[in-house]
Amino acid sequence: MEEININSSDYGHILELIEKYGKDGYVFVGEDQDGCKTIGAICKRYISIDTWQKNGWIRTNTYYDDFTTEETFNGRWKRG
């Protein structure tokens, strides 16, 4: 399986990933730099990443091809 590193502070990189993988859609799982579990999708116009944070919250970051971003919190997960 191909490893993808997403640099969310480099919008040129975000656009390259959208162009390369977004046409057919691409779903991935992994870990962030803090060791938190992630699941994400690269779509035609955006990249969305859900992160199961160590504090129990599920954070969603979305990076759109028009340079806008969103960060939402979608509840808590039960650690166990």
C-alpha atoms as a PDB file:
ATOM      1  CA  MET A   1       0.000   0.000   0.000  1.00  0.00           C
ATOM      2  CA  GLU A   2       1.269   3.449  -0.898  1.00  0.00           C
ATOM      3  CA  GLU A   3       2.185   5.776   1.959  1.00  0.00           C
ATOM      4  CA  ILE A   4       0.841   9.317   1.729  1.00  0.00           C
ATOM      5  CA  ASN A   5       2.123  12.094   3.958  1.00  0.00           C
ATOM      6  CA  ILE A   6      -0.171  15.113   4.041  1.00  0.00           C
ATOM      7  CA  ASN A   7       1.364  18.481   4.840  1.00  0.00           C
ATOM      8  CA  SER A   8      -1.687  20.574   5.714  1.00  0.00           C
ATOM      9  CA  SER A   9       0.347  23.794   5.836  1.00  0.00           C
ATOM     10  CA  ASP A  10       1.454  23.433   2.186  1.00  0.00           C
ATOM     11  CA  TYR A  11      -1.544  24.207  -0.025  1.00  0.00           C
ATOM     12  CA  GLY A  12       0.402  23.368  -3.188  1.00  0.00           C
ATOM     13  CA  HIS A  13       0.826  19.872  -1.753  1.00  0.00           C
ATOM     14  CA  ILE A  14      -2.903  19.649  -0.915  1.00  0.00           C
ATOM     15  CA  LEU A  15      -3.804  20.595  -4.500  1.00  0.00           C
ATOM     16  CA  GLU A  16      -1.355  18.034  -5.918  1.00  0.00           C
ATOM     17  CA  LEU A  17      -2.981  15.259  -3.850  1.00  0.00           C
ATOM     18  CA  ILE A  18      -6.484  16.327  -4.906  1.00  0.00           C
ATOM     19  CA  GLU A  19      -5.400  16.311  -8.550  1.00  0.00           C
ATOM     20  CA  LYS A  20      -3.646  12.934  -8.291  1.00  0.00           C
ATOM     21  CA  TYR A  21      -6.190  10.985  -6.207  1.00  0.00           C
ATOM     22  CA  GLY A  22      -9.430  12.983  -6.170  1.00  0.00           C
ATOM     23  CA  LYS A  23     -10.843  12.017  -9.548  1.00  0.00           C
ATOM     24  CA  ASP A  24     -11.546   8.432  -8.492  1.00  0.00           C
ATOM     25  CA  GLY A  25     -11.629   9.094  -4.750  1.00  0.00           C
ATOM     26  CA  TYR A  26      -9.147   7.709  -2.286  1.00  0.00           C
ATOM     27  CA  VAL A  27      -9.729   6.570   1.296  1.00  0.00           C
ATOM     28  CA  PHE A  28      -6.863   6.089   3.731  1.00  0.00           C
ATOM     29  CA  VAL A  29      -6.146   5.220   7.353  1.00  0.00           C
ATOM     30  CA  GLY A  30      -3.084   6.033   9.381  1.00  0.00           C
ATOM     31  CA  GLU A  31      -1.653   8.075  12.218  1.00  0.00           C
ATOM     32  CA  ASP A  32      -0.832  11.723  12.650  1.00  0.00           C
ATOM     33  CA  GLN A  33       2.443  13.115  13.991  1.00  0.00           C
ATOM     34  CA  ASP A  34       1.165  12.640  17.568  1.00  0.00           C
ATOM     35  CA  GLY A  35       0.299   8.967  17.093  1.00  0.00           C
ATOM     36  CA  CYS A  36      -3.472   9.554  16.909  1.00  0.00           C
ATOM     37  CA  LYS A  37      -5.490   7.305  14.587  1.00  0.00           C
ATOM     38  CA  THR A  38      -6.821   8.936  11.414  1.00  0.00           C
ATOM     39  CA  ILE A  39      -9.132   8.104   8.544  1.00  0.00           C
ATOM     40  CA  GLY A  40      -9.490  10.332   5.545  1.00  0.00           C
ATOM     41  CA  ALA A  41     -10.681  10.786   2.021  1.00  0.00           C
ATOM     42  CA  ILE A  42      -9.319  12.608  -0.988  1.00  0.00           C
ATOM     43  CA  CYS A  43     -12.198  13.724  -3.202  1.00  0.00           C
ATOM     44  CA  LYS A  44     -12.603  15.835  -6.344  1.00  0.00           C
ATOM     45  CA  ARG A  45     -12.572  19.163  -4.505  1.00  0.00           C
ATOM     46  CA  TYR A  46     -11.257  18.498  -1.013  1.00  0.00           C
ATOM     47  CA  ILE A  47      -9.345  16.342   1.474  1.00  0.00           C
ATOM     48  CA  SER A  48     -11.098  15.430   4.719  1.00  0.00           C
ATOM     49  CA  ILE A  49      -9.333  13.845   7.700  1.00  0.00           C
ATOM     50  CA  ASP A  50     -10.951  12.531  10.897  1.00  0.00           C
ATOM     51  CA  THR A  51      -8.587  12.279  13.881  1.00  0.00           C
ATOM     52  CA  TRP A  52      -9.344  10.331  17.046  1.00  0.00           C
ATOM     53  CA  GLN A  53      -7.540  12.629  19.465  1.00  0.00           C
ATOM     54  CA  LYS A  54      -5.982  11.389  22.695  1.00  0.00           C
ATOM     55  CA  ASN A  55      -8.341  13.682  24.655  1.00  0.00           C
ATOM     56  CA  GLY A  56     -11.313  11.615  23.389  1.00  0.00           C
ATOM     57  CA  TRP A  57     -12.619  14.065  20.776  1.00  0.00           C
ATOM     58  CA  ILE A  58     -13.013  13.266  17.076  1.00  0.00           C
ATOM     59  CA  ARG A  59     -11.725  16.205  15.030  1.00  0.00           C
ATOM     60  CA  THR A  60     -12.421  16.646  11.310  1.00  0.00           C
ATOM     61  CA  ASN A  61     -10.190  18.864   9.190  1.00  0.00           C
ATOM     62  CA  THR A  62     -11.248  19.607   5.612  1.00  0.00           C
ATOM     63  CA  TYR A  63      -9.005  21.286   3.030  1.00  0.00           C
ATOM     64  CA  TYR A  64     -10.799  22.535  -0.110  1.00  0.00           C
ATOM     65  CA  ASP A  65      -9.311  23.232  -3.527  1.00  0.00           C
ATOM     66  CA  ASP A  66     -10.350  26.907  -3.242  1.00  0.00           C
ATOM     67  CA  PHE A  67      -7.947  27.349  -0.275  1.00  0.00           C
ATOM     68  CA  THR A  68     -10.665  27.333   2.398  1.00  0.00           C
ATOM     69  CA  THR A  69     -10.486  25.044   5.422  1.00  0.00           C
ATOM     70  CA  GLU A  70     -12.837  23.772   8.121  1.00  0.00           C
ATOM     71  CA  GLU A  71     -12.246  22.231  11.518  1.00  0.00           C
ATOM     72  CA  THR A  72     -15.158  20.599  13.323  1.00  0.00           C
ATOM     73  CA  PHE A  73     -15.544  18.299  16.294  1.00  0.00           C
ATOM     74  CA  ASN A  74     -17.872  15.362  15.791  1.00  0.00           C
ATOM     75  CA  GLY A  75     -18.379  14.056  19.289  1.00  0.00           C
ATOM     76  CA  ARG A  76     -16.313  11.918  21.542  1.00  0.00           C
ATOM     77  CA  TRP A  77     -15.088   8.357  21.269  1.00  0.00           C
ATOM     78  CA  LYS A  78     -14.822   5.916  24.102  1.00  0.00           C
ATOM     79  CA  ARG A  79     -11.238   4.933  24.730  1.00  0.00           C
ATOM     80  CA  GLY A  80     -10.782   1.414  25.889  1.00  0.00           C
END
